[in-house]
Amino acid sequence: MNKETVPSQAEKSNPEGEPSQLSPELLDKIKHPARIDDVIREQSPEERKSNPALVPEMIDDSSEQ
């Protein structure tokens, strides 16, 4: 089987003839995601402490607000 004849997973789940079933609001969030800083600030202190991507300084700074 060559690559040209095998449809990708995206093509299988959404054939070209079918319009997308996503709402305009959801499409807007996909195209324009929230800033990562805003998302981190909205997390609870427990979520921030368990997030391995944050260093202790980031956890301390955001809890003082």
N, C-alpha and C. Protein backbone atom coordinates (compact mmCIF):
# COMPACT_ATOMS: atom_id res chain seq x y z
N MET A 1 0.84 -1.18 0.00
CA MET A 1 0.00 0.00 0.00
C MET A 1 0.88 1.24 0.00
N ASN A 2 0.61 2.11 -0.91
CA ASN A 2 1.38 3.35 -0.87
C ASN A 2 0.60 4.44 -0.16
N LYS A 3 1.28 5.49 0.19
CA LYS A 3 0.69 6.55 1.01
C LYS A 3 -0.44 7.29 0.30
N GLU A 4 -0.40 7.37 -1.02
CA GLU A 4 -1.41 8.12 -1.76
C GLU A 4 -2.78 7.45 -1.74
N THR A 5 -2.83 6.13 -1.60
CA THR A 5 -4.12 5.44 -1.62
C THR A 5 -4.69 5.17 -0.24
N VAL A 6 -3.89 5.31 0.79
CA VAL A 6 -4.36 5.05 2.15
C VAL A 6 -4.79 6.37 2.79
N PRO A 7 -6.07 6.50 3.16
CA PRO A 7 -6.51 7.76 3.80
C PRO A 7 -5.95 7.88 5.20
N SER A 8 -5.66 9.10 5.59
CA SER A 8 -5.16 9.33 6.94
C SER A 8 -6.32 9.20 7.93
N GLN A 9 -5.99 9.18 9.22
CA GLN A 9 -7.02 9.08 10.26
C GLN A 9 -7.97 10.27 10.19
N ALA A 10 -7.46 11.46 9.92
CA ALA A 10 -8.30 12.65 9.82
C ALA A 10 -9.28 12.52 8.66
N GLU A 11 -8.82 11.99 7.56
CA GLU A 11 -9.71 11.82 6.40
C GLU A 11 -10.77 10.77 6.67
N LYS A 12 -10.44 9.74 7.43
CA LYS A 12 -11.42 8.70 7.76
C LYS A 12 -12.53 9.26 8.64
N SER A 13 -12.17 10.08 9.62
CA SER A 13 -13.16 10.57 10.57
C SER A 13 -13.96 11.76 10.03
N ASN A 14 -13.46 12.46 9.04
CA ASN A 14 -14.17 13.61 8.48
C ASN A 14 -13.93 13.65 6.97
N PRO A 15 -14.69 12.86 6.21
CA PRO A 15 -14.50 12.87 4.75
C PRO A 15 -14.69 14.27 4.18
N GLU A 16 -14.06 14.51 3.03
CA GLU A 16 -14.04 15.86 2.46
C GLU A 16 -15.43 16.40 2.16
N GLY A 17 -16.36 15.56 1.82
CA GLY A 17 -17.70 16.00 1.48
C GLY A 17 -18.53 16.44 2.68
N GLU A 18 -18.15 16.01 3.88
CA GLU A 18 -18.92 16.33 5.09
C GLU A 18 -18.41 17.61 5.73
N PRO A 19 -19.30 18.55 6.07
CA PRO A 19 -18.85 19.73 6.81
C PRO A 19 -18.52 19.36 8.24
N SER A 20 -17.68 20.15 8.86
CA SER A 20 -17.30 19.90 10.25
C SER A 20 -18.49 20.09 11.18
N GLN A 21 -18.58 19.27 12.22
CA GLN A 21 -19.68 19.35 13.18
C GLN A 21 -19.34 20.22 14.39
N LEU A 22 -18.20 20.91 14.34
CA LEU A 22 -17.79 21.75 15.47
C LEU A 22 -18.49 23.10 15.43
N SER A 23 -18.83 23.60 16.61
CA SER A 23 -19.51 24.89 16.69
C SER A 23 -18.52 26.02 16.35
N PRO A 24 -19.03 27.16 15.90
CA PRO A 24 -18.14 28.29 15.60
C PRO A 24 -17.32 28.73 16.81
N GLU A 25 -17.90 28.65 18.02
CA GLU A 25 -17.17 29.04 19.23
C GLU A 25 -15.98 28.11 19.47
N LEU A 26 -16.22 26.81 19.27
CA LEU A 26 -15.15 25.84 19.49
C LEU A 26 -14.06 26.01 18.42
N LEU A 27 -14.45 26.24 17.19
CA LEU A 27 -13.46 26.49 16.13
C LEU A 27 -12.63 27.73 16.44
N ASP A 28 -13.25 28.76 16.99
CA ASP A 28 -12.53 29.98 17.35
C ASP A 28 -11.51 29.69 18.45
N LYS A 29 -11.88 28.85 19.43
CA LYS A 29 -10.94 28.50 20.51
C LYS A 29 -9.77 27.69 19.97
N ILE A 30 -10.03 26.85 18.96
CA ILE A 30 -8.96 26.06 18.37
C ILE A 30 -8.01 26.96 17.59
N LYS A 31 -8.56 27.89 16.83
CA LYS A 31 -7.74 28.78 16.02
C LYS A 31 -7.03 29.83 16.86
N HIS A 32 -7.64 30.26 17.97
CA HIS A 32 -7.08 31.30 18.82
C HIS A 32 -7.10 30.82 20.28
N PRO A 33 -6.18 29.92 20.65
CA PRO A 33 -6.18 29.39 22.01
C PRO A 33 -5.85 30.46 23.05
N ALA A 34 -6.26 30.20 24.28
CA ALA A 34 -5.97 31.13 25.38
C ALA A 34 -4.46 31.14 25.65
N ARG A 35 -3.99 32.26 26.18
CA ARG A 35 -2.57 32.35 26.53
C ARG A 35 -2.29 31.39 27.68
N ILE A 36 -1.14 30.74 27.64
CA ILE A 36 -0.80 29.75 28.66
C ILE A 36 -0.72 30.38 30.04
N ASP A 37 -0.28 31.64 30.12
CA ASP A 37 -0.22 32.32 31.42
C ASP A 37 -1.61 32.43 32.03
N ASP A 38 -2.60 32.78 31.20
CA ASP A 38 -3.96 32.91 31.70
C ASP A 38 -4.51 31.57 32.16
N VAL A 39 -4.21 30.52 31.42
CA VAL A 39 -4.69 29.18 31.78
C VAL A 39 -4.08 28.74 33.11
N ILE A 40 -2.80 28.99 33.30
CA ILE A 40 -2.13 28.60 34.55
C ILE A 40 -2.69 29.39 35.73
N ARG A 41 -2.95 30.68 35.53
CA ARG A 41 -3.49 31.50 36.63
C ARG A 41 -4.89 31.06 37.04
N GLU A 42 -5.64 30.46 36.11
CA GLU A 42 -7.00 30.00 36.41
C GLU A 42 -7.02 28.66 37.15
N GLN A 43 -5.87 27.97 37.18
CA GLN A 43 -5.81 26.68 37.86
C GLN A 43 -5.83 26.87 39.37
N SER A 44 -6.34 25.85 40.05
CA SER A 44 -6.34 25.90 41.52
C SER A 44 -4.92 25.70 42.03
N PRO A 45 -4.64 26.10 43.27
CA PRO A 45 -3.29 25.90 43.83
C PRO A 45 -2.85 24.44 43.81
N GLU A 46 -3.77 23.52 44.01
CA GLU A 46 -3.41 22.10 43.98
C GLU A 46 -2.97 21.67 42.59
N GLU A 47 -3.68 22.16 41.57
CA GLU A 47 -3.30 21.84 40.19
C GLU A 47 -1.93 22.41 39.85
N ARG A 48 -1.66 23.64 40.30
CA ARG A 48 -0.37 24.25 40.02
C ARG A 48 0.76 23.49 40.71
N LYS A 49 0.53 23.06 41.94
CA LYS A 49 1.58 22.34 42.67
C LYS A 49 1.87 20.98 42.06
N SER A 50 0.85 20.35 41.46
CA SER A 50 1.06 19.03 40.86
C SER A 50 1.49 19.10 39.41
N ASN A 51 1.62 20.30 38.85
CA ASN A 51 2.00 20.47 37.46
C ASN A 51 3.53 20.41 37.35
N PRO A 52 4.08 19.38 36.70
CA PRO A 52 5.54 19.25 36.63
C PRO A 52 6.20 20.30 35.73
N ALA A 53 5.42 21.02 34.95
CA ALA A 53 5.99 22.04 34.05
C ALA A 53 6.29 23.35 34.77
N LEU A 54 5.78 23.52 35.98
CA LEU A 54 5.99 24.76 36.72
C LEU A 54 7.13 24.61 37.71
N VAL A 55 7.96 25.63 37.78
CA VAL A 55 9.03 25.64 38.78
C VAL A 55 8.48 26.27 40.05
N PRO A 56 9.07 26.02 41.21
CA PRO A 56 8.53 26.58 42.47
C PRO A 56 8.32 28.08 42.46
N GLU A 57 9.19 28.83 41.77
CA GLU A 57 9.03 30.28 41.72
C GLU A 57 7.71 30.67 41.04
N MET A 58 7.33 29.93 40.02
CA MET A 58 6.09 30.23 39.31
C MET A 58 4.88 29.92 40.20
N ILE A 59 4.97 28.86 40.97
CA ILE A 59 3.87 28.48 41.87
C ILE A 59 3.72 29.53 42.96
N ASP A 60 4.82 29.98 43.56
CA ASP A 60 4.79 30.97 44.63
C ASP A 60 4.28 32.31 44.13
N ASP A 61 4.74 32.77 42.98
CA ASP A 61 4.34 34.06 42.45
C ASP A 61 2.84 34.15 42.17
N SER A 62 2.29 33.09 41.60
CA SER A 62 0.88 33.15 41.21
C SER A 62 -0.07 32.98 42.40
N SER A 63 0.40 32.47 43.54
CA SER A 63 -0.48 32.31 44.69
C SER A 63 -0.54 33.57 45.55
N GLU A 64 0.36 34.54 45.32
CA GLU A 64 0.39 35.75 46.12
C GLU A 64 -0.63 36.79 45.66
N GLN A 65 -1.25 36.62 44.54
CA GLN A 65 -2.16 37.62 43.99
C GLN A 65 -3.42 37.74 44.76
